[in-house]
Protein backbone atom coordinates (compact mmCIF):
# COMPACT_ATOMS: atom_id res chain seq x y z
CA MET A 1 -8.96 20.73 21.91
CA ALA A 2 -10.16 17.21 22.57
CA THR A 3 -7.60 14.44 22.44
CA LYS A 4 -8.68 11.28 20.66
CA SER A 5 -8.34 8.09 22.59
CA LEU A 6 -5.81 5.56 21.41
CA ARG A 7 -8.68 3.22 20.59
CA ALA A 8 -10.32 5.86 18.36
CA GLN A 9 -7.02 6.54 16.59
CA VAL A 10 -6.38 2.83 16.01
CA SER A 11 -9.94 2.32 14.81
CA LYS A 12 -9.62 5.18 12.32
CA SER A 13 -6.24 3.89 11.14
CA LYS A 14 -7.64 0.36 10.71
CA ALA A 15 -10.60 1.72 8.75
CA LEU A 16 -8.26 3.65 6.44
CA ASP A 17 -6.13 0.54 5.95
CA ASP A 18 -9.25 -1.51 5.14
CA ILE A 19 -10.43 1.08 2.62
CA THR A 20 -6.99 1.24 1.00
CA ASN A 21 -6.77 -2.55 0.84
CA ALA A 22 -10.25 -2.75 -0.63
CA ILE A 23 -9.42 -0.19 -3.31
CA ILE A 24 -6.23 -1.93 -4.37
CA GLY A 25 -7.88 -5.33 -4.19
CA LYS A 26 -5.83 -6.66 -1.30
CA GLN A 27 -7.75 -9.16 0.76
CA ASN A 28 -7.62 -9.03 4.52
CA TYR A 29 -8.61 -11.43 7.27
CA ALA A 30 -12.13 -10.00 7.49
CA THR A 31 -12.97 -10.25 3.80
CA SER A 32 -12.64 -13.06 1.36
CA ALA A 33 -13.21 -11.03 -1.78
CA ARG A 34 -12.53 -7.55 -3.03
CA GLU A 35 -16.21 -6.92 -3.68
CA SER A 36 -17.29 -7.61 -0.12
CA ALA A 37 -14.49 -5.39 1.19
CA MET A 38 -15.60 -2.60 -1.12
CA SER A 39 -19.29 -2.96 -0.37
CA SER A 40 -18.73 -2.70 3.38
CA PHE A 41 -17.60 0.88 2.76
CA ASN A 42 -20.32 1.64 0.18
CA ILE A 43 -17.69 1.95 -2.54
CA LYS A 44 -18.83 1.05 -6.03
CA ILE A 45 -16.50 -1.20 -7.95
CA SER A 46 -15.59 -0.11 -11.42
CA SER A 47 -13.72 -2.32 -13.78
CA LYS A 48 -10.55 -1.29 -15.52
CA GLN A 49 -9.45 -2.27 -18.96
CA ILE A 50 -6.04 -3.86 -18.84
CA PHE A 51 -3.82 -2.77 -21.66
CA THR A 52 -1.03 -5.04 -22.76
CA TRP A 53 2.44 -4.28 -23.99
CA ASN A 54 1.91 -6.32 -27.19
CA HIS A 55 1.93 -3.28 -29.46
CA VAL A 56 5.31 -2.02 -28.22
CA ILE A 57 7.32 -5.11 -27.26
CA GLN A 58 8.76 -5.55 -30.75
CA LYS A 59 9.57 -1.83 -30.98
CA MET A 60 11.62 -1.75 -27.78
CA GLU A 61 15.30 -1.41 -28.46
CA ILE A 62 18.01 -1.52 -25.83
CA LYS A 63 21.36 -0.17 -27.01
CA GLU A 64 24.35 -2.33 -26.17
CA ASN A 65 26.53 0.58 -25.09
CA SER A 66 26.54 4.30 -24.60
CA THR A 67 29.04 7.11 -24.28
CA LYS A 68 27.29 8.08 -21.05
CA ASP A 69 27.50 4.78 -19.15
CA TRP A 70 27.69 5.00 -15.38
CA ILE A 71 30.93 3.32 -14.36
CA ASN A 72 32.27 3.18 -10.82
CA ASP A 73 35.43 1.35 -9.73
CA GLY A 74 35.49 -0.46 -13.06
CA HIS A 75 31.90 -1.72 -12.73
CA ASN A 76 29.45 -0.67 -15.45
CA PHE A 77 26.10 -0.07 -13.74
CA SER A 78 24.51 0.99 -17.03
CA ASP A 79 25.26 -2.46 -18.43
CA ASP A 80 23.50 -4.03 -15.44
CA PHE A 81 20.48 -1.84 -16.07
CA ARG A 82 20.41 -2.78 -19.78
CA LYS A 83 20.42 -6.45 -18.77
CA PHE A 84 17.56 -5.74 -16.37
CA GLN A 85 15.59 -3.98 -19.13
CA LYS A 86 16.13 -6.91 -21.49
CA SER A 87 14.92 -9.38 -18.85
CA ILE A 88 11.74 -7.32 -18.38
CA ILE A 89 11.14 -7.29 -22.14
CA GLU A 90 11.47 -11.09 -22.16
CA LYS A 91 8.94 -11.32 -19.32
CA LEU A 92 6.59 -9.05 -21.27
CA LYS A 93 6.76 -11.44 -24.20
CA THR A 94 5.31 -14.20 -22.02
CA ASP A 95 3.03 -11.99 -19.92
CA PRO A 96 2.15 -8.79 -21.80
CA THR A 97 0.11 -7.48 -18.85
CA LEU A 98 3.11 -7.32 -16.52
CA SER A 99 2.77 -4.29 -14.28
CA TYR A 100 5.33 -2.68 -12.01
CA ALA A 101 2.55 -1.80 -9.57
CA THR A 102 1.35 -5.37 -9.11
CA ASP A 103 4.29 -7.51 -10.22
CA ILE A 104 7.20 -5.80 -8.47
CA GLU A 105 8.29 -8.97 -6.68
CA SER A 106 8.45 -11.02 -9.87
CA ILE A 107 10.22 -8.19 -11.69
CA MET A 108 12.91 -7.97 -9.05
C-alpha cells in the first residue's frame, strides 16, 4: 500500500476545505467572490429561495412557566431558555430571515 506524502495529504485537505468554503459561500484568500470559488471547481451555482419567519412570528407563544421546569440549586434554567426564545422572536421581528446556520454569532 502506497503512503501519500504529507504534501499530497495537505493538498487534498486544502482542496476539500476550498470546496466546502465555496459551497457555503465563505470567501478565502484566493477568491474574492463565491462564484469564482465555485467555478474553479466546476461547480454550478444554484440560487436558493430564502423563506422568512413572517408567517409564524405572531403565532409563536412562549409560556411563562411550566410544571416541568429544569431547576438546579434554586436556578431555573427553563426560565433562562424562555428568555432566550423571546429574544430570538424579537430579532425575527426585525430580521425575519434570521438563520441559526448563518447568524449563530448574533443569536448568541
